Amino acid sequence: MEQLKVSTRSNPNSVAGAMAGVVRTHGAVEVQVVGAGALNQAIKAVAIARGYVEQSGIDLVCVPTFVDITIDGEKRTAIRLRIEDRLSAPVLDAHGGVAGSSASS
């Protein structure tokens, strides 16, 4: 899955355009952020991207998770946002597995 990295200096309109394009092409995109400012820009971009794709019948949802990453040899906690169409998104169980599949048990 394609991953976009968003920083405090990212332009939300540009990020939204990239999100919308990837979701239209691949059905979902992941956005990775570190820090409150970057998360703020990413969430604004999700809101903008929803407007970009709604005429296409796509209803974007955002699923956040924490991930441990290493930047310049330093361990950091990032937030990864999975942006996908609500109608094509799998239903997840309480453990993050696909509900109803044998792999989630």
C-alpha atoms as a PDB file:
ATOM      1  CA  MET A   1       0.000   0.000   0.000  1.00  0.00           C
ATOM      2  CA  GLU A   2       1.245   3.464  -0.822  1.00  0.00           C
ATOM      3  CA  GLN A   3       2.356   5.524   2.167  1.00  0.00           C
ATOM      4  CA  LEU A   4       2.432   9.309   2.353  1.00  0.00           C
ATOM      5  CA  LYS A   5       4.495  11.088   4.994  1.00  0.00           C
ATOM      6  CA  VAL A   6       3.064  14.344   6.276  1.00  0.00           C
ATOM      7  CA  SER A   7       4.978  16.984   8.236  1.00  0.00           C
ATOM      8  CA  THR A   8       4.037  20.176  10.021  1.00  0.00           C
ATOM      9  CA  ARG A   9       5.010  22.091   6.874  1.00  0.00           C
ATOM     10  CA  SER A  10       2.903  19.959   4.498  1.00  0.00           C
ATOM     11  CA  ASN A  11       0.203  21.777   2.551  1.00  0.00           C
ATOM     12  CA  PRO A  12      -3.145  20.126   3.434  1.00  0.00           C
ATOM     13  CA  ASN A  13      -4.600  20.827  -0.044  1.00  0.00           C
ATOM     14  CA  SER A  14      -1.642  19.110  -1.731  1.00  0.00           C
ATOM     15  CA  VAL A  15      -1.785  16.152   0.650  1.00  0.00           C
ATOM     16  CA  ALA A  16      -5.549  15.887   0.086  1.00  0.00           C
ATOM     17  CA  GLY A  17      -5.031  15.724  -3.672  1.00  0.00           C
ATOM     18  CA  ALA A  18      -2.449  12.971  -3.258  1.00  0.00           C
ATOM     19  CA  MET A  19      -4.748  11.052  -0.881  1.00  0.00           C
ATOM     20  CA  ALA A  20      -7.702  11.323  -3.248  1.00  0.00           C
ATOM     21  CA  GLY A  21      -5.626  10.156  -6.208  1.00  0.00           C
ATOM     22  CA  VAL A  22      -4.233   7.121  -4.404  1.00  0.00           C
ATOM     23  CA  VAL A  23      -7.634   6.132  -2.979  1.00  0.00           C
ATOM     24  CA  ARG A  24      -9.223   6.399  -6.437  1.00  0.00           C
ATOM     25  CA  THR A  25      -6.460   4.250  -7.928  1.00  0.00           C
ATOM     26  CA  HIS A  26      -5.739   1.738  -5.148  1.00  0.00           C
ATOM     27  CA  GLY A  27      -8.749   1.965  -2.803  1.00  0.00           C
ATOM     28  CA  ALA A  28      -6.723   3.052   0.237  1.00  0.00           C
ATOM     29  CA  VAL A  29      -3.646   4.978   1.332  1.00  0.00           C
ATOM     30  CA  GLU A  30      -1.611   5.152   4.534  1.00  0.00           C
ATOM     31  CA  VAL A  31      -0.438   8.461   5.947  1.00  0.00           C
ATOM     32  CA  GLN A  32       2.342   8.510   8.538  1.00  0.00           C
ATOM     33  CA  VAL A  33       2.905  11.429  10.917  1.00  0.00           C
ATOM     34  CA  VAL A  34       5.148  12.242  13.867  1.00  0.00           C
ATOM     35  CA  GLY A  35       4.033  15.042  16.163  1.00  0.00           C
ATOM     36  CA  ALA A  36       0.937  17.095  16.798  1.00  0.00           C
ATOM     37  CA  GLY A  37       1.569  19.605  14.006  1.00  0.00           C
ATOM     38  CA  ALA A  38       1.938  16.887  11.399  1.00  0.00           C
ATOM     39  CA  LEU A  39      -1.193  15.134  12.649  1.00  0.00           C
ATOM     40  CA  ASN A  40      -3.094  18.429  12.423  1.00  0.00           C
ATOM     41  CA  GLN A  41      -2.075  18.861   8.775  1.00  0.00           C
ATOM     42  CA  ALA A  42      -2.963  15.242   7.965  1.00  0.00           C
ATOM     43  CA  ILE A  43      -6.430  15.458   9.533  1.00  0.00           C
ATOM     44  CA  LYS A  44      -7.147  18.695   7.653  1.00  0.00           C
ATOM     45  CA  ALA A  45      -6.077  16.896   4.473  1.00  0.00           C
ATOM     46  CA  VAL A  46      -8.474  14.000   5.183  1.00  0.00           C
ATOM     47  CA  ALA A  47     -11.354  16.449   5.584  1.00  0.00           C
ATOM     48  CA  ILE A  48     -10.447  18.175   2.314  1.00  0.00           C
ATOM     49  CA  ALA A  49      -9.962  14.859   0.467  1.00  0.00           C
ATOM     50  CA  ARG A  50     -13.459  13.740   1.513  1.00  0.00           C
ATOM     51  CA  GLY A  51     -14.802  16.657  -0.505  1.00  0.00           C
ATOM     52  CA  TYR A  52     -12.617  15.782  -3.491  1.00  0.00           C
ATOM     53  CA  VAL A  53     -13.945  12.214  -3.782  1.00  0.00           C
ATOM     54  CA  GLU A  54     -17.565  12.479  -2.646  1.00  0.00           C
ATOM     55  CA  GLN A  55     -18.863  13.142  -6.179  1.00  0.00           C
ATOM     56  CA  SER A  56     -17.334   9.785  -7.158  1.00  0.00           C
ATOM     57  CA  GLY A  57     -19.432   8.004  -4.517  1.00  0.00           C
ATOM     58  CA  ILE A  58     -16.423   7.445  -2.244  1.00  0.00           C
ATOM     59  CA  ASP A  59     -17.008   7.972   1.494  1.00  0.00           C
ATOM     60  CA  LEU A  60     -13.578   8.269   3.119  1.00  0.00           C
ATOM     61  CA  VAL A  61     -12.925   7.000   6.624  1.00  0.00           C
ATOM     62  CA  CYS A  62      -9.759   7.256   8.680  1.00  0.00           C
ATOM     63  CA  VAL A  63      -8.421   4.449  10.886  1.00  0.00           C
ATOM     64  CA  PRO A  64      -5.554   5.580  13.176  1.00  0.00           C
ATOM     65  CA  THR A  65      -2.917   3.287  14.715  1.00  0.00           C
ATOM     66  CA  PHE A  66       0.345   3.804  16.596  1.00  0.00           C
ATOM     67  CA  VAL A  67       3.571   2.479  15.094  1.00  0.00           C
ATOM     68  CA  ASP A  68       7.136   2.437  16.382  1.00  0.00           C
ATOM     69  CA  ILE A  69       9.642   3.831  13.898  1.00  0.00           C
ATOM     70  CA  THR A  70      13.308   4.806  13.854  1.00  0.00           C
ATOM     71  CA  ILE A  71      14.404   8.235  12.620  1.00  0.00           C
ATOM     72  CA  ASP A  72      18.150   8.932  12.487  1.00  0.00           C
ATOM     73  CA  GLY A  73      18.786   6.039  14.885  1.00  0.00           C
ATOM     74  CA  GLU A  74      16.228   7.321  17.407  1.00  0.00           C
ATOM     75  CA  LYS A  75      13.091   5.360  18.258  1.00  0.00           C
ATOM     76  CA  ARG A  76       9.898   7.388  17.863  1.00  0.00           C
ATOM     77  CA  THR A  77       6.184   6.707  17.999  1.00  0.00           C
ATOM     78  CA  ALA A  78       4.309   7.687  14.877  1.00  0.00           C
ATOM     79  CA  ILE A  79       0.642   7.676  14.050  1.00  0.00           C
ATOM     80  CA  ARG A  80      -0.374   5.900  10.880  1.00  0.00           C
ATOM     81  CA  LEU A  81      -3.714   6.805   9.341  1.00  0.00           C
ATOM     82  CA  ARG A  82      -5.302   4.356   6.941  1.00  0.00           C
ATOM     83  CA  ILE A  83      -7.590   6.308   4.626  1.00  0.00           C
ATOM     84  CA  GLU A  84     -10.103   4.167   2.737  1.00  0.00           C
ATOM     85  CA  ASP A  85     -13.585   4.066   1.264  1.00  0.00           C
ATOM     86  CA  ARG A  86     -16.113   3.194   3.967  1.00  0.00           C
ATOM     87  CA  LEU A  87     -18.067   0.979   1.561  1.00  0.00           C
ATOM     88  CA  SER A  88     -15.097  -1.148   0.504  1.00  0.00           C
ATOM     89  CA  ALA A  89     -13.338  -1.269   3.886  1.00  0.00           C
ATOM     90  CA  PRO A  90     -13.291  -4.650   5.657  1.00  0.00           C
ATOM     91  CA  VAL A  91     -15.085  -4.859   8.997  1.00  0.00           C
ATOM     92  CA  LEU A  92     -12.463  -5.307  11.741  1.00  0.00           C
ATOM     93  CA  ASP A  93     -12.924  -7.105  15.035  1.00  0.00           C
ATOM     94  CA  ALA A  94     -11.728  -5.800  18.419  1.00  0.00           C
ATOM     95  CA  HIS A  95      -8.216  -7.157  17.756  1.00  0.00           C
ATOM     96  CA  GLY A  96      -7.772  -5.554  14.345  1.00  0.00           C
ATOM     97  CA  GLY A  97      -8.479  -8.746  12.411  1.00  0.00           C
ATOM     98  CA  VAL A  98     -11.086  -9.069   9.703  1.00  0.00           C
ATOM     99  CA  ALA A  99     -14.382  -9.970  11.380  1.00  0.00           C
ATOM    100  CA  GLY A 100     -15.747 -13.355  10.402  1.00  0.00           C
ATOM    101  CA  SER A 101     -12.469 -14.721   8.997  1.00  0.00           C
ATOM    102  CA  SER A 102     -10.666 -17.637  10.571  1.00  0.00           C
ATOM    103  CA  ALA A 103      -7.430 -15.605  10.677  1.00  0.00           C
ATOM    104  CA  SER A 104      -8.891 -13.201  13.255  1.00  0.00           C
ATOM    105  CA  SER A 105      -9.755 -15.880  15.812  1.00  0.00           C
END
